[in-house]
Amino acid sequence: MILVYVVCKDKEEGDNIAKLVVKKRLAACANLFPISSFYYWDDKLTEDNEVVLLLKTISDNYESLEKEIKELHSYDIPAIIKINAESNGEYENWIKKNTAS
């Protein structure tokens, strides 16, 4: 199982990406969290209110999931971070059952 951490510009963008990748079974589950972000862009310190999209899927889906996110995302350089994860067996089985490989 992997977690894919994606920062989106707002809830609408996060919702759109989440619904599409779950519908396509590239991810079994998606969660959205509001965040405050601080970063440099164009040599300027920037502060934004953004949304983190956390996707739960299988590692075999990562390349297709990353491609789909890049096509839907509004940022020039979206943060798409793959995190290896372990969970209880029942949940891991549910993830596998609800994703395509």
N, C-alpha and C. Protein backbone atom coordinates (compact mmCIF):
# COMPACT_ATOMS: atom_id res chain seq x y z
N MET A 1 0.85 -1.18 0.00
CA MET A 1 0.00 0.00 0.00
C MET A 1 0.89 1.23 0.00
N ILE A 2 0.42 2.27 -0.71
CA ILE A 2 1.11 3.55 -0.68
C ILE A 2 0.10 4.67 -0.40
N LEU A 3 0.64 5.76 0.13
CA LEU A 3 -0.12 7.00 0.27
C LEU A 3 0.47 7.97 -0.75
N VAL A 4 -0.39 8.72 -1.42
CA VAL A 4 0.08 9.73 -2.36
C VAL A 4 -0.43 11.07 -1.84
N TYR A 5 0.53 11.93 -1.50
CA TYR A 5 0.28 13.24 -0.91
C TYR A 5 0.34 14.26 -2.05
N VAL A 6 -0.76 15.00 -2.24
CA VAL A 6 -0.85 15.98 -3.32
C VAL A 6 -1.36 17.29 -2.74
N VAL A 7 -0.69 18.40 -3.06
CA VAL A 7 -1.16 19.71 -2.63
C VAL A 7 -1.93 20.33 -3.79
N CYS A 8 -3.16 20.80 -3.50
CA CYS A 8 -4.04 21.40 -4.51
C CYS A 8 -4.31 22.86 -4.15
N LYS A 9 -4.65 23.65 -5.16
CA LYS A 9 -4.85 25.09 -4.92
C LYS A 9 -6.07 25.37 -4.05
N ASP A 10 -7.10 24.51 -4.12
CA ASP A 10 -8.30 24.74 -3.32
C ASP A 10 -9.13 23.45 -3.24
N LYS A 11 -10.20 23.51 -2.47
CA LYS A 11 -11.05 22.32 -2.27
C LYS A 11 -11.67 21.84 -3.57
N GLU A 12 -12.07 22.76 -4.43
CA GLU A 12 -12.69 22.36 -5.70
C GLU A 12 -11.72 21.52 -6.53
N GLU A 13 -10.48 21.97 -6.64
CA GLU A 13 -9.50 21.19 -7.41
C GLU A 13 -9.25 19.84 -6.74
N GLY A 14 -9.10 19.82 -5.42
CA GLY A 14 -8.91 18.57 -4.70
C GLY A 14 -10.07 17.61 -4.88
N ASP A 15 -11.29 18.15 -4.78
CA ASP A 15 -12.49 17.32 -4.99
C ASP A 15 -12.51 16.72 -6.38
N ASN A 16 -12.21 17.53 -7.39
CA ASN A 16 -12.25 17.05 -8.78
C ASN A 16 -11.25 15.93 -9.01
N ILE A 17 -10.03 16.12 -8.53
CA ILE A 17 -9.01 15.09 -8.70
C ILE A 17 -9.40 13.84 -7.92
N ALA A 18 -9.83 14.01 -6.66
CA ALA A 18 -10.21 12.87 -5.82
C ALA A 18 -11.31 12.04 -6.46
N LYS A 19 -12.37 12.70 -6.88
CA LYS A 19 -13.50 11.97 -7.46
C LYS A 19 -13.09 11.20 -8.71
N LEU A 20 -12.28 11.82 -9.56
CA LEU A 20 -11.90 11.16 -10.81
C LEU A 20 -11.00 9.95 -10.56
N VAL A 21 -9.99 10.10 -9.70
CA VAL A 21 -9.07 8.97 -9.51
C VAL A 21 -9.71 7.82 -8.73
N VAL A 22 -10.65 8.13 -7.83
CA VAL A 22 -11.38 7.06 -7.14
C VAL A 22 -12.34 6.38 -8.11
N LYS A 23 -13.02 7.18 -8.93
CA LYS A 23 -13.95 6.61 -9.92
C LYS A 23 -13.22 5.68 -10.89
N LYS A 24 -12.00 6.06 -11.27
CA LYS A 24 -11.20 5.24 -12.18
C LYS A 24 -10.49 4.09 -11.46
N ARG A 25 -10.68 4.02 -10.14
CA ARG A 25 -10.07 3.00 -9.28
C ARG A 25 -8.55 3.04 -9.29
N LEU A 26 -8.00 4.24 -9.52
CA LEU A 26 -6.57 4.44 -9.36
C LEU A 26 -6.22 4.62 -7.89
N ALA A 27 -7.20 5.02 -7.10
CA ALA A 27 -7.08 5.12 -5.64
C ALA A 27 -8.35 4.55 -5.03
N ALA A 28 -8.22 3.93 -3.87
CA ALA A 28 -9.38 3.36 -3.19
C ALA A 28 -10.09 4.40 -2.33
N CYS A 29 -9.33 5.41 -1.89
CA CYS A 29 -9.87 6.38 -0.94
C CYS A 29 -9.11 7.68 -1.09
N ALA A 30 -9.81 8.79 -0.84
CA ALA A 30 -9.19 10.11 -0.89
C ALA A 30 -9.67 10.93 0.31
N ASN A 31 -8.74 11.65 0.92
CA ASN A 31 -9.06 12.56 2.03
C ASN A 31 -8.54 13.95 1.68
N LEU A 32 -9.27 14.97 2.11
CA LEU A 32 -8.86 16.36 1.89
C LEU A 32 -8.69 17.07 3.23
N PHE A 33 -7.61 17.85 3.33
CA PHE A 33 -7.30 18.60 4.55
C PHE A 33 -6.94 20.03 4.18
N PRO A 34 -7.53 21.04 4.80
CA PRO A 34 -7.09 22.42 4.55
C PRO A 34 -5.74 22.67 5.22
N ILE A 35 -4.87 23.41 4.54
CA ILE A 35 -3.54 23.70 5.09
C ILE A 35 -3.15 25.16 4.80
N SER A 36 -2.19 25.65 5.57
CA SER A 36 -1.52 26.92 5.28
C SER A 36 -0.14 26.56 4.78
N SER A 37 0.26 27.12 3.65
CA SER A 37 1.55 26.80 3.04
C SER A 37 2.42 28.03 2.93
N PHE A 38 3.72 27.84 3.13
CA PHE A 38 4.72 28.88 2.97
C PHE A 38 5.81 28.31 2.07
N TYR A 39 6.14 29.03 0.99
CA TYR A 39 7.14 28.53 0.05
C TYR A 39 7.64 29.68 -0.83
N TYR A 40 8.78 29.44 -1.48
CA TYR A 40 9.29 30.41 -2.44
C TYR A 40 8.79 30.06 -3.84
N TRP A 41 8.27 31.06 -4.53
CA TRP A 41 7.88 30.90 -5.93
C TRP A 41 8.28 32.19 -6.64
N ASP A 42 9.00 32.05 -7.74
CA ASP A 42 9.53 33.20 -8.47
C ASP A 42 10.33 34.11 -7.53
N ASP A 43 11.16 33.49 -6.70
CA ASP A 43 12.05 34.21 -5.76
C ASP A 43 11.30 35.07 -4.75
N LYS A 44 10.05 34.75 -4.50
CA LYS A 44 9.27 35.52 -3.54
C LYS A 44 8.66 34.56 -2.52
N LEU A 45 8.78 34.92 -1.24
CA LEU A 45 8.15 34.11 -0.20
C LEU A 45 6.64 34.26 -0.34
N THR A 46 5.98 33.12 -0.44
CA THR A 46 4.54 33.09 -0.69
C THR A 46 3.83 32.38 0.45
N GLU A 47 2.66 32.88 0.81
CA GLU A 47 1.80 32.24 1.80
C GLU A 47 0.45 31.99 1.15
N ASP A 48 -0.02 30.73 1.21
CA ASP A 48 -1.28 30.36 0.57
C ASP A 48 -2.10 29.47 1.48
N ASN A 49 -3.40 29.51 1.29
CA ASN A 49 -4.30 28.51 1.85
C ASN A 49 -4.52 27.50 0.73
N GLU A 50 -4.16 26.26 1.00
CA GLU A 50 -4.28 25.20 0.01
C GLU A 50 -4.99 24.01 0.63
N VAL A 51 -5.05 22.93 -0.10
CA VAL A 51 -5.68 21.70 0.36
C VAL A 51 -4.74 20.54 0.08
N VAL A 52 -4.56 19.67 1.06
CA VAL A 52 -3.81 18.43 0.83
C VAL A 52 -4.80 17.34 0.48
N LEU A 53 -4.49 16.64 -0.59
CA LEU A 53 -5.24 15.48 -1.02
C LEU A 53 -4.38 14.27 -0.68
N LEU A 54 -4.90 13.38 0.14
CA LEU A 54 -4.19 12.17 0.53
C LEU A 54 -4.92 10.99 -0.09
N LEU A 55 -4.21 10.28 -0.97
CA LEU A 55 -4.80 9.16 -1.70
C LEU A 55 -4.20 7.85 -1.21
N LYS A 56 -5.04 6.84 -1.06
CA LYS A 56 -4.59 5.51 -0.64
C LYS A 56 -4.76 4.56 -1.81
N THR A 57 -3.66 3.87 -2.18
CA THR A 57 -3.71 3.01 -3.34
C THR A 57 -2.63 1.93 -3.24
N ILE A 58 -2.43 1.21 -4.33
CA ILE A 58 -1.39 0.19 -4.41
C ILE A 58 -0.25 0.74 -5.27
N SER A 59 0.96 0.24 -5.02
CA SER A 59 2.12 0.78 -5.73
C SER A 59 2.04 0.57 -7.24
N ASP A 60 1.38 -0.48 -7.69
CA ASP A 60 1.24 -0.72 -9.14
C ASP A 60 0.48 0.40 -9.84
N ASN A 61 -0.31 1.15 -9.12
CA ASN A 61 -1.11 2.23 -9.71
C ASN A 61 -0.39 3.58 -9.75
N TYR A 62 0.79 3.66 -9.13
CA TYR A 62 1.41 4.99 -8.96
C TYR A 62 1.65 5.74 -10.27
N GLU A 63 2.23 5.11 -11.25
CA GLU A 63 2.55 5.81 -12.50
C GLU A 63 1.29 6.34 -13.18
N SER A 64 0.25 5.53 -13.26
CA SER A 64 -1.01 5.97 -13.87
C SER A 64 -1.66 7.07 -13.05
N LEU A 65 -1.60 6.94 -11.74
CA LEU A 65 -2.17 7.95 -10.84
C LEU A 65 -1.42 9.28 -10.99
N GLU A 66 -0.11 9.23 -10.99
CA GLU A 66 0.70 10.44 -11.15
C GLU A 66 0.38 11.14 -12.48
N LYS A 67 0.28 10.38 -13.54
CA LYS A 67 -0.04 10.94 -14.86
C LYS A 67 -1.41 11.62 -14.84
N GLU A 68 -2.39 10.97 -14.25
CA GLU A 68 -3.75 11.52 -14.17
C GLU A 68 -3.76 12.82 -13.37
N ILE A 69 -3.06 12.83 -12.25
CA ILE A 69 -3.01 14.04 -11.40
C ILE A 69 -2.38 15.19 -12.18
N LYS A 70 -1.28 14.93 -12.87
CA LYS A 70 -0.61 15.98 -13.65
C LYS A 70 -1.51 16.56 -14.73
N GLU A 71 -2.33 15.72 -15.34
CA GLU A 71 -3.26 16.20 -16.39
C GLU A 71 -4.35 17.09 -15.81
N LEU A 72 -4.77 16.83 -14.58
CA LEU A 72 -5.88 17.55 -13.96
C LEU A 72 -5.44 18.76 -13.14
N HIS A 73 -4.19 18.78 -12.72
CA HIS A 73 -3.71 19.77 -11.75
C HIS A 73 -3.43 21.11 -12.41
N SER A 74 -3.66 22.19 -11.68
CA SER A 74 -3.46 23.54 -12.23
C SER A 74 -2.04 24.07 -12.03
N TYR A 75 -1.25 23.47 -11.14
CA TYR A 75 0.09 23.99 -10.86
C TYR A 75 1.09 23.57 -11.94
N ASP A 76 2.07 24.44 -12.20
CA ASP A 76 3.16 24.11 -13.12
C ASP A 76 3.96 22.92 -12.59
N ILE A 77 4.19 22.92 -11.29
CA ILE A 77 4.96 21.84 -10.64
C ILE A 77 4.16 21.35 -9.43
N PRO A 78 3.22 20.44 -9.65
CA PRO A 78 2.44 19.95 -8.51
C PRO A 78 3.28 19.07 -7.59
N ALA A 79 3.03 19.17 -6.30
CA ALA A 79 3.66 18.28 -5.32
C ALA A 79 2.88 16.96 -5.34
N ILE A 80 3.54 15.90 -5.80
CA ILE A 80 2.95 14.56 -5.82
C ILE A 80 3.98 13.67 -5.15
N ILE A 81 3.70 13.27 -3.92
CA ILE A 81 4.70 12.57 -3.11
C ILE A 81 4.20 11.17 -2.76
N LYS A 82 4.97 10.18 -3.14
CA LYS A 82 4.64 8.77 -2.88
C LYS A 82 5.26 8.35 -1.55
N ILE A 83 4.43 7.79 -0.67
CA ILE A 83 4.89 7.36 0.66
C ILE A 83 4.51 5.89 0.84
N ASN A 84 5.50 5.05 1.07
CA ASN A 84 5.22 3.64 1.36
C ASN A 84 4.57 3.54 2.73
N ALA A 85 3.55 2.70 2.83
CA ALA A 85 2.80 2.60 4.08
C ALA A 85 2.40 1.15 4.35
N GLU A 86 2.15 0.87 5.60
CA GLU A 86 1.61 -0.42 6.02
C GLU A 86 0.34 -0.15 6.82
N SER A 87 -0.58 -1.09 6.74
CA SER A 87 -1.82 -0.95 7.52
C SER A 87 -2.24 -2.32 8.02
N ASN A 88 -3.32 -2.32 8.78
CA ASN A 88 -3.87 -3.60 9.22
C ASN A 88 -4.31 -4.39 7.99
N GLY A 89 -4.26 -5.70 8.09
CA GLY A 89 -4.52 -6.59 6.95
C GLY A 89 -5.88 -6.39 6.31
N GLU A 90 -6.89 -6.19 7.12
CA GLU A 90 -8.24 -6.01 6.56
C GLU A 90 -8.33 -4.75 5.70
N TYR A 91 -7.70 -3.69 6.17
CA TYR A 91 -7.74 -2.43 5.41
C TYR A 91 -6.92 -2.57 4.13
N GLU A 92 -5.77 -3.20 4.24
CA GLU A 92 -4.93 -3.43 3.06
C GLU A 92 -5.70 -4.24 2.01
N ASN A 93 -6.43 -5.25 2.44
CA ASN A 93 -7.24 -6.05 1.50
C ASN A 93 -8.32 -5.20 0.86
N TRP A 94 -8.92 -4.31 1.63
CA TRP A 94 -9.95 -3.42 1.09
C TRP A 94 -9.35 -2.50 0.02
N ILE A 95 -8.15 -1.98 0.28
CA ILE A 95 -7.46 -1.13 -0.71
C ILE A 95 -7.24 -1.91 -1.99
N LYS A 96 -6.72 -3.12 -1.88
CA LYS A 96 -6.46 -3.95 -3.06
C LYS A 96 -7.75 -4.25 -3.81
N LYS A 97 -8.81 -4.53 -3.09
CA LYS A 97 -10.10 -4.87 -3.72
C LYS A 97 -10.68 -3.67 -4.48
N ASN A 98 -10.41 -2.46 -4.02
CA ASN A 98 -11.03 -1.28 -4.60
C ASN A 98 -10.13 -0.46 -5.51
N THR A 99 -9.04 -1.06 -5.95
CA THR A 99 -8.16 -0.42 -6.93
C THR A 99 -7.89 -1.38 -8.06
N ALA A 100 -7.62 -0.82 -9.21
CA ALA A 100 -7.25 -1.64 -10.36
C ALA A 100 -5.74 -1.63 -10.45
N SER A 101 -5.17 -2.71 -10.91
CA SER A 101 -3.71 -2.74 -11.08
C SER A 101 -3.35 -3.01 -12.53
